Amino acid sequence: MQRIALVLAGGLLVSGAAWADPPSANPSSPALTGMNQRIARHQAEVGHLQQDVGQQEAASRQAAARLQQQDRTIAELRQQLKATQQTKASATGH
């Protein structure tokens, strides 16, 4: 989530910079066209970064779920081992 906040903040800074100092009032000026193109590229990059972050977060959630399942399996196996050891100790009189 922290990465998403950083990506969004970066996108807002880029967009905010464009509005803070417009190159000219003429909507067809080359400077304005160039700035609009840069904004579009930056917005596309932010979109890609957001998608990458989303994929990384999904992979992280899946890995965490696998680890939790492995922890449960280990706990079950330890209980089985303990029960087997107790049964064996009872059978041999220890």
PDB file of N, CA and C in Angstrom:
ATOM      1  N   MET A   1       0.816  -1.177   0.000  1.00  0.00           N
ATOM      2  CA  MET A   1       0.000   0.000   0.000  1.00  0.00           C
ATOM      3  C   MET A   1       0.867   1.251   0.000  1.00  0.00           C
ATOM      4  N   GLN A   2       1.996   1.167   0.668  1.00  0.00           N
ATOM      5  CA  GLN A   2       2.887   2.321   0.722  1.00  0.00           C
ATOM      6  C   GLN A   2       3.405   2.644  -0.674  1.00  0.00           C
ATOM      7  N   ARG A   3       3.661   1.629  -1.474  1.00  0.00           N
ATOM      8  CA  ARG A   3       4.142   1.860  -2.835  1.00  0.00           C
ATOM      9  C   ARG A   3       3.087   2.569  -3.674  1.00  0.00           C
ATOM     10  N   ILE A   4       1.847   2.164  -3.483  1.00  0.00           N
ATOM     11  CA  ILE A   4       0.775   2.799  -4.245  1.00  0.00           C
ATOM     12  C   ILE A   4       0.708   4.278  -3.894  1.00  0.00           C
ATOM     13  N   ALA A   5       0.839   4.592  -2.609  1.00  0.00           N
ATOM     14  CA  ALA A   5       0.790   5.991  -2.185  1.00  0.00           C
ATOM     15  C   ALA A   5       1.925   6.778  -2.828  1.00  0.00           C
ATOM     16  N   LEU A   6       3.106   6.176  -2.907  1.00  0.00           N
ATOM     17  CA  LEU A   6       4.236   6.862  -3.526  1.00  0.00           C
ATOM     18  C   LEU A   6       4.005   7.069  -5.019  1.00  0.00           C
ATOM     19  N   VAL A   7       3.464   6.059  -5.670  1.00  0.00           N
ATOM     20  CA  VAL A   7       3.195   6.165  -7.108  1.00  0.00           C
ATOM     21  C   VAL A   7       2.160   7.252  -7.366  1.00  0.00           C
ATOM     22  N   LEU A   8       1.098   7.242  -6.565  1.00  0.00           N
ATOM     23  CA  LEU A   8       0.060   8.255  -6.742  1.00  0.00           C
ATOM     24  C   LEU A   8       0.588   9.654  -6.458  1.00  0.00           C
ATOM     25  N   ALA A   9       1.400   9.780  -5.418  1.00  0.00           N
ATOM     26  CA  ALA A   9       1.976  11.088  -5.093  1.00  0.00           C
ATOM     27  C   ALA A   9       2.849  11.581  -6.241  1.00  0.00           C
ATOM     28  N   GLY A  10       3.619  10.690  -6.837  1.00  0.00           N
ATOM     29  CA  GLY A  10       4.454  11.065  -7.978  1.00  0.00           C
ATOM     30  C   GLY A  10       3.608  11.526  -9.145  1.00  0.00           C
ATOM     31  N   GLY A  11       2.518  10.833  -9.398  1.00  0.00           N
ATOM     32  CA  GLY A  11       1.625  11.219 -10.485  1.00  0.00           C
ATOM     33  C   GLY A  11       0.983  12.568 -10.230  1.00  0.00           C
ATOM     34  N   LEU A  12       0.614  12.820  -8.980  1.00  0.00           N
ATOM     35  CA  LEU A  12       0.015  14.110  -8.649  1.00  0.00           C
ATOM     36  C   LEU A  12       1.022  15.239  -8.787  1.00  0.00           C
ATOM     37  N   LEU A  13       2.268  14.964  -8.398  1.00  0.00           N
ATOM     38  CA  LEU A  13       3.301  15.989  -8.544  1.00  0.00           C
ATOM     39  C   LEU A  13       3.508  16.354 -10.003  1.00  0.00           C
ATOM     40  N   VAL A  14       3.542  15.351 -10.857  1.00  0.00           N
ATOM     41  CA  VAL A  14       3.726  15.608 -12.292  1.00  0.00           C
ATOM     42  C   VAL A  14       2.551  16.406 -12.830  1.00  0.00           C
ATOM     43  N   SER A  15       1.335  15.990 -12.487  1.00  0.00           N
ATOM     44  CA  SER A  15       0.153  16.701 -12.965  1.00  0.00           C
ATOM     45  C   SER A  15       0.080  18.100 -12.382  1.00  0.00           C
ATOM     46  N   GLY A  16       0.410  18.234 -11.096  1.00  0.00           N
ATOM     47  CA  GLY A  16       0.372  19.531 -10.438  1.00  0.00           C
ATOM     48  C   GLY A  16       1.380  20.487 -11.026  1.00  0.00           C
ATOM     49  N   ALA A  17       2.551  19.987 -11.383  1.00  0.00           N
ATOM     50  CA  ALA A  17       3.576  20.841 -11.976  1.00  0.00           C
ATOM     51  C   ALA A  17       3.111  21.388 -13.315  1.00  0.00           C
ATOM     52  N   ALA A  18       2.362  20.607 -14.033  1.00  0.00           N
ATOM     53  CA  ALA A  18       1.874  21.058 -15.336  1.00  0.00           C
ATOM     54  C   ALA A  18       0.888  22.204 -15.174  1.00  0.00           C
ATOM     55  N   TRP A  19       0.064  22.148 -14.158  1.00  0.00           N
ATOM     56  CA  TRP A  19      -0.935  23.199 -13.956  1.00  0.00           C
ATOM     57  C   TRP A  19      -0.348  24.409 -13.248  1.00  0.00           C
ATOM     58  N   ALA A  20       0.713  24.236 -12.500  1.00  0.00           N
ATOM     59  CA  ALA A  20       1.295  25.346 -11.745  1.00  0.00           C
ATOM     60  C   ALA A  20       1.920  26.382 -12.653  1.00  0.00           C
ATOM     61  N   ASP A  21       2.486  25.952 -13.754  1.00  0.00           N
ATOM     62  CA  ASP A  21       3.181  26.882 -14.635  1.00  0.00           C
ATOM     63  C   ASP A  21       2.844  26.556 -16.086  1.00  0.00           C
ATOM     64  N   PRO A  22       1.636  26.903 -16.536  1.00  0.00           N
ATOM     65  CA  PRO A  22       1.278  26.580 -17.918  1.00  0.00           C
ATOM     66  C   PRO A  22       2.154  27.346 -18.891  1.00  0.00           C
ATOM     67  N   PRO A  23       2.584  26.704 -19.971  1.00  0.00           N
ATOM     68  CA  PRO A  23       3.511  27.340 -20.898  1.00  0.00           C
ATOM     69  C   PRO A  23       2.921  28.529 -21.645  1.00  0.00           C
ATOM     70  N   SER A  24       1.642  28.475 -22.004  1.00  0.00           N
ATOM     71  CA  SER A  24       1.013  29.622 -22.662  1.00  0.00           C
ATOM     72  C   SER A  24      -0.488  29.423 -22.656  1.00  0.00           C
ATOM     73  N   ALA A  25      -1.213  30.477 -22.966  1.00  0.00           N
ATOM     74  CA  ALA A  25      -2.671  30.388 -22.974  1.00  0.00           C
ATOM     75  C   ALA A  25      -3.181  29.804 -24.281  1.00  0.00           C
ATOM     76  N   ASN A  26      -2.346  29.737 -25.285  1.00  0.00           N
ATOM     77  CA  ASN A  26      -2.737  29.213 -26.594  1.00  0.00           C
ATOM     78  C   ASN A  26      -2.819  27.694 -26.525  1.00  0.00           C
ATOM     79  N   PRO A  27      -4.015  27.094 -26.660  1.00  0.00           N
ATOM     80  CA  PRO A  27      -4.157  25.642 -26.506  1.00  0.00           C
ATOM     81  C   PRO A  27      -3.425  24.845 -27.571  1.00  0.00           C
ATOM     82  N   SER A  28      -3.027  25.478 -28.676  1.00  0.00           N
ATOM     83  CA  SER A  28      -2.340  24.721 -29.714  1.00  0.00           C
ATOM     84  C   SER A  28      -0.839  25.000 -29.725  1.00  0.00           C
ATOM     85  N   SER A  29      -0.334  25.645 -28.694  1.00  0.00           N
ATOM     86  CA  SER A  29       1.091  25.959 -28.682  1.00  0.00           C
ATOM     87  C   SER A  29       1.916  24.679 -28.576  1.00  0.00           C
ATOM     88  N   PRO A  30       3.084  24.672 -29.201  1.00  0.00           N
ATOM     89  CA  PRO A  30       3.933  23.477 -29.139  1.00  0.00           C
ATOM     90  C   PRO A  30       4.337  23.122 -27.705  1.00  0.00           C
ATOM     91  N   ALA A  31       4.564  24.143 -26.899  1.00  0.00           N
ATOM     92  CA  ALA A  31       4.962  23.861 -25.511  1.00  0.00           C
ATOM     93  C   ALA A  31       3.837  23.154 -24.766  1.00  0.00           C
ATOM     94  N   LEU A  32       2.609  23.617 -24.951  1.00  0.00           N
ATOM     95  CA  LEU A  32       1.473  22.997 -24.285  1.00  0.00           C
ATOM     96  C   LEU A  32       1.240  21.582 -24.814  1.00  0.00           C
ATOM     97  N   THR A  33       1.381  21.411 -26.112  1.00  0.00           N
ATOM     98  CA  THR A  33       1.234  20.081 -26.705  1.00  0.00           C
ATOM     99  C   THR A  33       2.279  19.130 -26.142  1.00  0.00           C
ATOM    100  N   GLY A  34       3.515  19.614 -26.059  1.00  0.00           N
ATOM    101  CA  GLY A  34       4.584  18.778 -25.498  1.00  0.00           C
ATOM    102  C   GLY A  34       4.324  18.433 -24.048  1.00  0.00           C
ATOM    103  N   MET A  35       3.841  19.407 -23.280  1.00  0.00           N
ATOM    104  CA  MET A  35       3.563  19.154 -21.872  1.00  0.00           C
ATOM    105  C   MET A  35       2.425  18.151 -21.739  1.00  0.00           C
ATOM    106  N   ASN A  36       1.388  18.292 -22.557  1.00  0.00           N
ATOM    107  CA  ASN A  36       0.284  17.333 -22.514  1.00  0.00           C
ATOM    108  C   ASN A  36       0.756  15.926 -22.864  1.00  0.00           C
ATOM    109  N   GLN A  37       1.664  15.826 -23.805  1.00  0.00           N
ATOM    110  CA  GLN A  37       2.213  14.520 -24.172  1.00  0.00           C
ATOM    111  C   GLN A  37       3.013  13.933 -23.012  1.00  0.00           C
ATOM    112  N   ARG A  38       3.798  14.759 -22.342  1.00  0.00           N
ATOM    113  CA  ARG A  38       4.574  14.283 -21.185  1.00  0.00           C
ATOM    114  C   ARG A  38       3.644  13.842 -20.062  1.00  0.00           C
ATOM    115  N   ILE A  39       2.589  14.619 -19.844  1.00  0.00           N
ATOM    116  CA  ILE A  39       1.618  14.246 -18.811  1.00  0.00           C
ATOM    117  C   ILE A  39       0.981  12.908 -19.160  1.00  0.00           C
ATOM    118  N   ALA A  40       0.614  12.739 -20.407  1.00  0.00           N
ATOM    119  CA  ALA A  40      -0.001  11.470 -20.833  1.00  0.00           C
ATOM    120  C   ALA A  40       0.968  10.310 -20.625  1.00  0.00           C
ATOM    121  N   ARG A  41       2.247  10.520 -20.966  1.00  0.00           N
ATOM    122  CA  ARG A  41       3.246   9.457 -20.767  1.00  0.00           C
ATOM    123  C   ARG A  41       3.413   9.146 -19.285  1.00  0.00           C
ATOM    124  N   HIS A  42       3.457  10.187 -18.464  1.00  0.00           N
ATOM    125  CA  HIS A  42       3.618   9.977 -17.025  1.00  0.00           C
ATOM    126  C   HIS A  42       2.396   9.277 -16.434  1.00  0.00           C
ATOM    127  N   GLN A  43       1.226   9.657 -16.897  1.00  0.00           N
ATOM    128  CA  GLN A  43       0.021   8.995 -16.415  1.00  0.00           C
ATOM    129  C   GLN A  43       0.008   7.522 -16.824  1.00  0.00           C
ATOM    130  N   ALA A  44       0.454   7.244 -18.027  1.00  0.00           N
ATOM    131  CA  ALA A  44       0.545   5.847 -18.473  1.00  0.00           C
ATOM    132  C   ALA A  44       1.549   5.087 -17.616  1.00  0.00           C
ATOM    133  N   GLU A  45       2.675   5.737 -17.316  1.00  0.00           N
ATOM    134  CA  GLU A  45       3.690   5.093 -16.466  1.00  0.00           C
ATOM    135  C   GLU A  45       3.130   4.840 -15.072  1.00  0.00           C
ATOM    136  N   VAL A  46       2.403   5.801 -14.525  1.00  0.00           N
ATOM    137  CA  VAL A  46       1.789   5.617 -13.207  1.00  0.00           C
ATOM    138  C   VAL A  46       0.815   4.444 -13.261  1.00  0.00           C
ATOM    139  N   GLY A  47       0.042   4.355 -14.328  1.00  0.00           N
ATOM    140  CA  GLY A  47      -0.880   3.227 -14.476  1.00  0.00           C
ATOM    141  C   GLY A  47      -0.155   1.893 -14.497  1.00  0.00           C
ATOM    142  N   HIS A  48       0.953   1.835 -15.229  1.00  0.00           N
ATOM    143  CA  HIS A  48       1.741   0.599 -15.278  1.00  0.00           C
ATOM    144  C   HIS A  48       2.320   0.269 -13.905  1.00  0.00           C
ATOM    145  N   LEU A  49       2.816   1.292 -13.224  1.00  0.00           N
ATOM    146  CA  LEU A  49       3.387   1.065 -11.889  1.00  0.00           C
ATOM    147  C   LEU A  49       2.311   0.596 -10.910  1.00  0.00           C
ATOM    148  N   GLN A  50       1.128   1.177 -11.003  1.00  0.00           N
ATOM    149  CA  GLN A  50       0.041   0.736 -10.138  1.00  0.00           C
ATOM    150  C   GLN A  50      -0.313  -0.723 -10.421  1.00  0.00           C
ATOM    151  N   GLN A  51      -0.314  -1.085 -11.684  1.00  0.00           N
ATOM    152  CA  GLN A  51      -0.605  -2.473 -12.047  1.00  0.00           C
ATOM    153  C   GLN A  51       0.481  -3.398 -11.499  1.00  0.00           C
ATOM    154  N   ASP A  52       1.744  -3.001 -11.633  1.00  0.00           N
ATOM    155  CA  ASP A  52       2.853  -3.808 -11.108  1.00  0.00           C
ATOM    156  C   ASP A  52       2.739  -3.974  -9.592  1.00  0.00           C
ATOM    157  N   VAL A  53       2.419  -2.887  -8.910  1.00  0.00           N
ATOM    158  CA  VAL A  53       2.271  -2.952  -7.452  1.00  0.00           C
ATOM    159  C   VAL A  53       1.124  -3.895  -7.090  1.00  0.00           C
ATOM    160  N   GLY A  54       0.036  -3.793  -7.817  1.00  0.00           N
ATOM    161  CA  GLY A  54      -1.099  -4.680  -7.563  1.00  0.00           C
ATOM    162  C   GLY A  54      -0.722  -6.143  -7.741  1.00  0.00           C
ATOM    163  N   GLN A  55       0.046  -6.430  -8.780  1.00  0.00           N
ATOM    164  CA  GLN A  55       0.487  -7.808  -9.010  1.00  0.00           C
ATOM    165  C   GLN A  55       1.424  -8.276  -7.900  1.00  0.00           C
ATOM    166  N   GLN A  56       2.317  -7.398  -7.461  1.00  0.00           N
ATOM    167  CA  GLN A  56       3.233  -7.759  -6.379  1.00  0.00           C
ATOM    168  C   GLN A  56       2.479  -7.992  -5.076  1.00  0.00           C
ATOM    169  N   GLU A  57       1.470  -7.165  -4.819  1.00  0.00           N
ATOM    170  CA  GLU A  57       0.682  -7.353  -3.601  1.00  0.00           C
ATOM    171  C   GLU A  57      -0.098  -8.656  -3.655  1.00  0.00           C
ATOM    172  N   ALA A  58      -0.641  -8.986  -4.809  1.00  0.00           N
ATOM    173  CA  ALA A  58      -1.376 -10.246  -4.960  1.00  0.00           C
ATOM    174  C   ALA A  58      -0.437 -11.433  -4.747  1.00  0.00           C
ATOM    175  N   ALA A  59       0.753 -11.358  -5.317  1.00  0.00           N
ATOM    176  CA  ALA A  59       1.736 -12.435  -5.137  1.00  0.00           C
ATOM    177  C   ALA A  59       2.133 -12.553  -3.671  1.00  0.00           C
ATOM    178  N   SER A  60       2.257 -11.425  -2.999  1.00  0.00           N
ATOM    179  CA  SER A  60       2.611 -11.428  -1.583  1.00  0.00           C
ATOM    180  C   SER A  60       1.506 -12.073  -0.743  1.00  0.00           C
ATOM    181  N   ARG A  61       0.253 -11.741  -1.062  1.00  0.00           N
ATOM    182  CA  ARG A  61      -0.869 -12.348  -0.335  1.00  0.00           C
ATOM    183  C   ARG A  61      -0.899 -13.860  -0.555  1.00  0.00           C
ATOM    184  N   GLN A  62      -0.640 -14.285  -1.794  1.00  0.00           N
ATOM    185  CA  GLN A  62      -0.632 -15.722  -2.092  1.00  0.00           C
ATOM    186  C   GLN A  62       0.501 -16.418  -1.336  1.00  0.00           C
ATOM    187  N   ALA A  63       1.652 -15.800  -1.293  1.00  0.00           N
ATOM    188  CA  ALA A  63       2.784 -16.390  -0.574  1.00  0.00           C
ATOM    189  C   ALA A  63       2.479 -16.479   0.920  1.00  0.00           C
ATOM    190  N   ALA A  64       1.852 -15.442   1.459  1.00  0.00           N
ATOM    191  CA  ALA A  64       1.494 -15.460   2.881  1.00  0.00           C
ATOM    192  C   ALA A  64       0.493 -16.577   3.168  1.00  0.00           C
ATOM    193  N   ALA A  65      -0.459 -16.780   2.266  1.00  0.00           N
ATOM    194  CA  ALA A  65      -1.444 -17.848   2.442  1.00  0.00           C
ATOM    195  C   ALA A  65      -0.760 -19.214   2.401  1.00  0.00           C
ATOM    196  N   ARG A  66       0.190 -19.377   1.483  1.00  0.00           N
ATOM    197  CA  ARG A  66       0.934 -20.655   1.411  1.00  0.00           C
ATOM    198  C   ARG A  66       1.718 -20.892   2.698  1.00  0.00           C
ATOM    199  N   LEU A  67       2.354 -19.849   3.214  1.00  0.00           N
ATOM    200  CA  LEU A  67       3.120 -20.000   4.458  1.00  0.00           C
ATOM    201  C   LEU A  67       2.207 -20.356   5.625  1.00  0.00           C
ATOM    202  N   GLN A  68       1.040 -19.751   5.686  1.00  0.00           N
ATOM    203  CA  GLN A  68       0.096 -20.092   6.750  1.00  0.00           C
ATOM    204  C   GLN A  68      -0.337 -21.546   6.646  1.00  0.00           C
ATOM    205  N   GLN A  69      -0.587 -22.007   5.434  1.00  0.00           N
ATOM    206  CA  GLN A  69      -0.967 -23.407   5.250  1.00  0.00           C
ATOM    207  C   GLN A  69       0.170 -24.330   5.665  1.00  0.00           C
ATOM    208  N   GLN A  70       1.382 -23.974   5.312  1.00  0.00           N
ATOM    209  CA  GLN A  70       2.542 -24.780   5.710  1.00  0.00           C
ATOM    210  C   GLN A  70       2.691 -24.794   7.229  1.00  0.00           C
ATOM    211  N   ASP A  71       2.457 -23.660   7.878  1.00  0.00           N
ATOM    212  CA  ASP A  71       2.521 -23.605   9.342  1.00  0.00           C
ATOM    213  C   ASP A  71       1.475 -24.532   9.965  1.00  0.00           C
ATOM    214  N   ARG A  72       0.266 -24.533   9.398  1.00  0.00           N
ATOM    215  CA  ARG A  72      -0.782 -25.421   9.916  1.00  0.00           C
ATOM    216  C   ARG A  72      -0.390 -26.888   9.724  1.00  0.00           C
ATOM    217  N   THR A  73       0.178 -27.203   8.571  1.00  0.00           N
ATOM    218  CA  THR A  73       0.609 -28.579   8.298  1.00  0.00           C
ATOM    219  C   THR A  73       1.699 -29.001   9.271  1.00  0.00           C
ATOM    220  N   ILE A  74       2.655 -28.125   9.513  1.00  0.00           N
ATOM    221  CA  ILE A  74       3.741 -28.428  10.459  1.00  0.00           C
ATOM    222  C   ILE A  74       3.176 -28.657  11.855  1.00  0.00           C
ATOM    223  N   ALA A  75       2.237 -27.821  12.277  1.00  0.00           N
ATOM    224  CA  ALA A  75       1.638 -27.981  13.602  1.00  0.00           C
ATOM    225  C   ALA A  75       0.910 -29.322  13.706  1.00  0.00           C
ATOM    226  N   GLU A  76       0.183 -29.712  12.669  1.00  0.00           N
ATOM    227  CA  GLU A  76      -0.521 -31.001  12.668  1.00  0.00           C
ATOM    228  C   GLU A  76       0.471 -32.158  12.732  1.00  0.00           C
ATOM    229  N   LEU A  77       1.544 -32.058  11.966  1.00  0.00           N
ATOM    230  CA  LEU A  77       2.553 -33.125  11.973  1.00  0.00           C
ATOM    231  C   LEU A  77       3.237 -33.230  13.334  1.00  0.00           C
ATOM    232  N   ARG A  78       3.482 -32.090  13.966  1.00  0.00           N
ATOM    233  CA  ARG A  78       4.089 -32.124  15.315  1.00  0.00           C
ATOM    234  C   ARG A  78       3.152 -32.795  16.310  1.00  0.00           C
ATOM    235  N   GLN A  79       1.855 -32.501  16.196  1.00  0.00           N
ATOM    236  CA  GLN A  79       0.887 -33.145  17.093  1.00  0.00           C
ATOM    237  C   GLN A  79       0.856 -34.650  16.853  1.00  0.00           C
ATOM    238  N   GLN A  80       0.888 -35.058  15.593  1.00  0.00           N
ATOM    239  CA  GLN A  80       0.886 -36.486  15.274  1.00  0.00           C
ATOM    240  C   GLN A  80       2.148 -37.160  15.813  1.00  0.00           C
ATOM    241  N   LEU A  81       3.283 -36.482  15.650  1.00  0.00           N
ATOM    242  CA  LEU A  81       4.547 -37.037  16.149  1.00  0.00           C
ATOM    243  C   LEU A  81       4.513 -37.179  17.659  1.00  0.00           C
ATOM    244  N   LYS A  82       4.005 -36.156  18.331  1.00  0.00           N
ATOM    245  CA  LYS A  82       3.923 -36.205  19.797  1.00  0.00           C
ATOM    246  C   LYS A  82       3.004 -37.339  20.246  1.00  0.00           C
ATOM    247  N   ALA A  83       1.861 -37.484  19.566  1.00  0.00           N
ATOM    248  CA  ALA A  83       0.934 -38.558  19.924  1.00  0.00           C
ATOM    249  C   ALA A  83       1.570 -39.919  19.690  1.00  0.00           C
ATOM    250  N   THR A  84       2.303 -40.065  18.597  1.00  0.00           N
ATOM    251  CA  THR A  84       2.977 -41.330  18.293  1.00  0.00           C
ATOM    252  C   THR A  84       4.038 -41.624  19.340  1.00  0.00           C
ATOM    253  N   GLN A  85       4.790 -40.610  19.731  1.00  0.00           N
ATOM    254  CA  GLN A  85       5.831 -40.807  20.745  1.00  0.00           C
ATOM    255  C   GLN A  85       5.222 -41.183  22.092  1.00  0.00           C
ATOM    256  N   GLN A  86       4.091 -40.559  22.430  1.00  0.00           N
ATOM    257  CA  GLN A  86       3.434 -40.894  23.694  1.00  0.00           C
ATOM    258  C   GLN A  86       2.879 -42.312  23.677  1.00  0.00           C
ATOM    259  N   THR A  87       2.315 -42.701  22.545  1.00  0.00           N
ATOM    260  CA  THR A  87       1.783 -44.067  22.414  1.00  0.00           C
ATOM    261  C   THR A  87       2.929 -45.073  22.517  1.00  0.00           C
ATOM    262  N   LYS A  88       4.046 -44.773  21.879  1.00  0.00           N
ATOM    263  CA  LYS A  88       5.202 -45.669  21.918  1.00  0.00           C
ATOM    264  C   LYS A  88       5.760 -45.757  23.335  1.00  0.00           C
ATOM    265  N   ALA A  89       5.813 -44.618  24.028  1.00  0.00           N
ATOM    266  CA  ALA A  89       6.328 -44.611  25.407  1.00  0.00           C
ATOM    267  C   ALA A  89       5.406 -45.400  26.331  1.00  0.00           C
ATOM    268  N   SER A  90       4.115 -45.285  26.114  1.00  0.00           N
ATOM    269  CA  SER A  90       3.150 -46.026  26.939  1.00  0.00           C
ATOM    270  C   SER A  90       3.267 -47.529  26.695  1.00  0.00           C
ATOM    271  N   ALA A  91       3.497 -47.900  25.449  1.00  0.00           N
ATOM    272  CA  ALA A  91       3.591 -49.317  25.103  1.00  0.00           C
ATOM    273  C   ALA A  91       4.844 -49.939  25.671  1.00  0.00           C
ATOM    274  N   THR A  92       5.923 -49.195  25.767  1.00  0.00           N
ATOM    275  CA  THR A  92       7.176 -49.756  26.262  1.00  0.00           C
ATOM    276  C   THR A  92       7.334 -49.539  27.766  1.00  0.00           C
ATOM    277  N   GLY A  93       6.398 -48.823  28.380  1.00  0.00           N
ATOM    278  CA  GLY A  93       6.444 -48.623  29.815  1.00  0.00           C
ATOM    279  C   GLY A  93       7.340 -47.488  30.260  1.00  0.00           C
ATOM    280  N   HIS A  94       7.702 -46.590  29.414  1.00  0.00           N
ATOM    281  CA  HIS A  94       8.558 -45.449  29.797  1.00  0.00           C
ATOM    282  C   HIS A  94       7.775 -44.277  30.174  1.00  0.00           C
TER     283      HIS A  94
END
